[in-house]
Structures are given as structure tokens and as C-alpha cells.
Amino acid sequence: MNTSEQTLQQIERAIRKIADKFPVKEEASVMTDIHIRVTQETGEMVAYNDEDAEITRCVIEQWINNADDNFYDQIASVLRKCLMKHKDTIEQMSILKPFSFVLENDDKESMAELYLVDDEMVIIDPDLMEGLDEDLDAFLEKLLKD
């Protein structure tokens, strides 16, 4: 799926609205994760806190009636890129750390962890980690032979 500029703008606007609900100027006192729930049939993207209170919502026209089997994998990648673009804003949100952004389907099932905010940890995009086990095994085997 090629992501349109309009889709990216809508996602980024939603991310800014989420950040606005947890302003930097306030002391971090809220303990929550951000759950981004996407409905494949309607294209609706809604952000919730841990108590299922709605933070913001929008409809991504490009996602309406998308029947791709790997829909959630595709949008997870797009959402991660948008979250990374707003990394500085997200990491300053007044939420107690660690907290994360989680992609869910309309049945509230977790589909992917999108972004983890923690002072000591960083989650790397899974696409970058692909094949790492094999590379490490080959390196170790070569090292032990020497």
C-alpha cells in the first residue's frame, strides 16, 4: 500500500492531538499507554487511554474497506514512521514513563507495539532487526573457529 500525503497528514494531526492532551508543561502524573484502534472496514482510527477513554479520532479514507490480509502490518509501519517523526514531542508528553503506543484491531486485540517511550530503552523497528539472529549466529560461529 502506497501511503498518500493526505493519510500521513491525518495521522500526524492525530499524533499532535494526542500530545496536546498530555502537555509538556504539566508534571507527569498520568500512568497510561496509548491504544490506537483501527477499524479496517471504516478506516476509523481512534486513540484511547488504558481506561478506554477516547483521546482523539479520525477517519483515514485510504484505509476504508481495505481488504489486504496484511493490513495491520502495513499500517503499523506507517504509524511507526509518523511516531518517529514526532519523537521529541512524544517523549515530552506528561505521562509517566515507560509508556507505549499500541496498535489494536476493532476487537481490542493488540496487533503491534508501535513505539515505547522510556528513558533507558528504545525499541527498534522490527524490519531493521530482520535476520539479526542469523547474523549473530554466523558471527559467533566464526569467532569460535578462530
Protein backbone atom coordinates (compact mmCIF):
# COMPACT_ATOMS: atom_id res chain seq x y z
CA MET A 1 0.00 0.00 0.00
CA ASN A 2 1.41 3.35 -1.01
CA THR A 3 0.56 5.86 1.67
CA SER A 4 -0.85 9.13 0.38
CA GLU A 5 0.27 12.52 1.63
CA GLN A 6 -3.26 13.12 2.95
CA THR A 7 -3.07 9.92 5.03
CA LEU A 8 0.27 10.96 6.52
CA GLN A 9 -1.12 14.41 7.37
CA GLN A 10 -4.17 12.89 9.06
CA ILE A 11 -2.03 10.54 11.15
CA GLU A 12 0.35 13.33 12.13
CA ARG A 13 -2.59 15.57 13.09
CA ALA A 14 -3.92 12.76 15.31
CA ILE A 15 -0.49 12.35 16.94
CA ARG A 16 -0.37 16.08 17.67
CA LYS A 17 -3.87 15.91 19.20
CA ILE A 18 -2.76 13.05 21.44
CA ALA A 19 0.29 15.03 22.55
CA ASP A 20 -1.91 18.08 23.23
CA LYS A 21 -3.88 16.02 25.77
CA PHE A 22 -0.68 15.47 27.75
CA PRO A 23 1.07 18.87 27.63
CA VAL A 24 4.77 19.17 28.40
CA LYS A 25 4.20 21.93 30.96
CA GLU A 26 2.28 19.62 33.30
CA GLU A 27 4.00 17.31 35.76
CA ALA A 28 3.91 13.70 34.59
CA SER A 29 1.26 12.15 36.80
CA VAL A 30 -0.78 10.04 34.42
CA MET A 31 0.12 6.39 34.06
CA THR A 32 -1.25 5.05 30.79
CA ASP A 33 -0.46 3.61 27.41
CA ILE A 34 -1.89 4.97 24.19
CA HIS A 35 -4.02 2.43 22.32
CA ILE A 36 -4.58 3.20 18.66
CA ARG A 37 -7.56 1.20 17.46
CA VAL A 38 -8.12 0.93 13.70
CA THR A 39 -11.22 -0.49 12.04
CA GLN A 40 -10.36 -1.92 8.66
CA GLU A 41 -13.87 -1.61 7.18
CA THR A 42 -14.48 2.04 8.11
CA GLY A 43 -10.92 3.38 8.13
CA GLU A 44 -11.57 4.84 11.56
CA MET A 45 -8.55 5.40 13.79
CA VAL A 46 -9.28 6.12 17.45
CA ALA A 47 -6.77 6.70 20.25
CA TYR A 48 -7.68 5.58 23.78
CA ASN A 49 -6.02 5.55 27.17
CA ASP A 50 -5.89 2.50 29.45
CA GLU A 51 -9.39 3.20 30.79
CA ASP A 52 -10.84 3.16 27.25
CA ALA A 53 -11.45 6.91 27.37
CA GLU A 54 -11.24 8.35 23.87
CA ILE A 55 -8.42 10.81 23.24
CA THR A 56 -8.97 11.56 19.56
CA ARG A 57 -10.41 10.03 16.38
CA CYS A 58 -10.20 10.42 12.65
CA VAL A 59 -11.13 8.54 9.50
CA ILE A 60 -8.36 7.62 7.11
CA GLU A 61 -10.09 7.48 3.73
CA GLN A 62 -7.31 5.42 2.17
CA TRP A 63 -7.96 2.66 4.74
CA ILE A 64 -11.74 2.39 4.19
CA ASN A 65 -12.70 -1.14 3.05
CA ASN A 66 -9.06 -2.16 2.71
CA ALA A 67 -9.19 -5.94 2.35
CA ASP A 68 -5.44 -6.65 2.47
CA ASP A 69 -4.56 -9.65 4.62
CA ASN A 70 -1.52 -7.82 5.98
CA PHE A 71 -3.38 -4.54 6.57
CA TYR A 72 -2.25 -4.17 10.18
CA ASP A 73 1.40 -4.89 9.31
CA GLN A 74 1.29 -2.22 6.61
CA ILE A 75 -0.31 0.46 8.76
CA ALA A 76 1.94 -0.39 11.73
CA SER A 77 4.91 0.56 9.60
CA VAL A 78 3.28 3.85 8.56
CA LEU A 79 2.28 4.67 12.14
CA ARG A 80 5.81 3.93 13.41
CA LYS A 81 7.31 6.32 10.85
CA CYS A 82 4.89 9.08 11.84
CA LEU A 83 5.57 8.49 15.54
CA MET A 84 9.32 8.63 14.92
CA LYS A 85 8.89 11.90 13.06
CA HIS A 86 7.29 13.37 16.21
CA LYS A 87 9.68 11.61 18.60
CA ASP A 88 10.69 14.76 20.50
CA THR A 89 7.08 15.79 21.13
CA ILE A 90 6.00 12.29 22.15
CA GLU A 91 8.87 11.80 24.58
CA GLN A 92 7.97 15.06 26.34
CA MET A 93 4.33 14.12 26.94
CA SER A 94 3.25 14.32 30.59
CA ILE A 95 2.78 10.57 31.00
CA LEU A 96 4.81 8.56 33.49
CA LYS A 97 7.48 6.52 31.75
CA PRO A 98 7.62 3.86 30.50
CA PHE A 99 4.57 4.07 28.24
CA SER A 100 3.87 2.83 24.77
CA PHE A 101 1.75 3.28 21.69
CA VAL A 102 -0.03 0.04 20.79
CA LEU A 103 -1.91 -0.76 17.59
CA GLU A 104 -5.15 -2.67 18.14
CA ASN A 105 -7.82 -4.03 15.83
CA ASP A 106 -11.50 -3.20 16.34
CA ASP A 107 -11.82 -6.23 18.67
CA LYS A 108 -9.27 -4.60 21.03
CA GLU A 109 -6.66 -7.24 20.17
CA SER A 110 -3.09 -5.99 20.22
CA MET A 111 -1.63 -6.14 16.71
CA ALA A 112 1.74 -4.41 17.24
CA GLU A 113 3.71 -2.34 19.68
CA LEU A 114 4.39 0.83 17.74
CA TYR A 115 6.60 2.89 19.99
CA LEU A 116 7.96 2.60 23.52
CA VAL A 117 8.87 5.70 25.48
CA ASP A 118 11.37 5.03 28.23
CA ASP A 119 14.44 6.88 29.44
CA GLU A 120 16.63 3.79 29.23
CA MET A 121 15.18 1.70 26.39
CA VAL A 122 14.48 2.10 22.72
CA ILE A 123 12.50 -0.32 20.57
CA ILE A 124 13.95 -0.59 17.10
CA ASP A 125 11.69 -1.05 14.09
CA PRO A 126 11.27 -4.83 13.64
CA ASP A 127 12.05 -4.51 9.92
CA LEU A 128 15.55 -3.38 10.84
CA MET A 129 16.01 -6.37 13.13
CA GLU A 130 15.08 -8.94 10.47
CA GLY A 131 17.82 -11.55 10.06
CA LEU A 132 19.76 -10.38 13.12
CA ASP A 133 19.70 -13.83 14.76
CA GLU A 134 21.30 -15.45 11.73
CA ASP A 135 23.97 -12.74 11.53
CA LEU A 136 24.82 -13.12 15.22
CA ASP A 137 24.95 -16.93 14.94
CA ALA A 138 27.33 -16.69 11.95
CA PHE A 139 29.49 -14.16 13.79
CA LEU A 140 29.68 -16.35 16.91
CA GLU A 141 30.50 -19.45 14.86
CA LYS A 142 33.30 -17.62 13.06
CA LEU A 143 34.62 -16.23 16.34
CA LEU A 144 34.70 -19.66 17.97
CA LYS A 145 36.58 -21.16 14.98
CA ASP A 146 39.32 -18.56 15.35
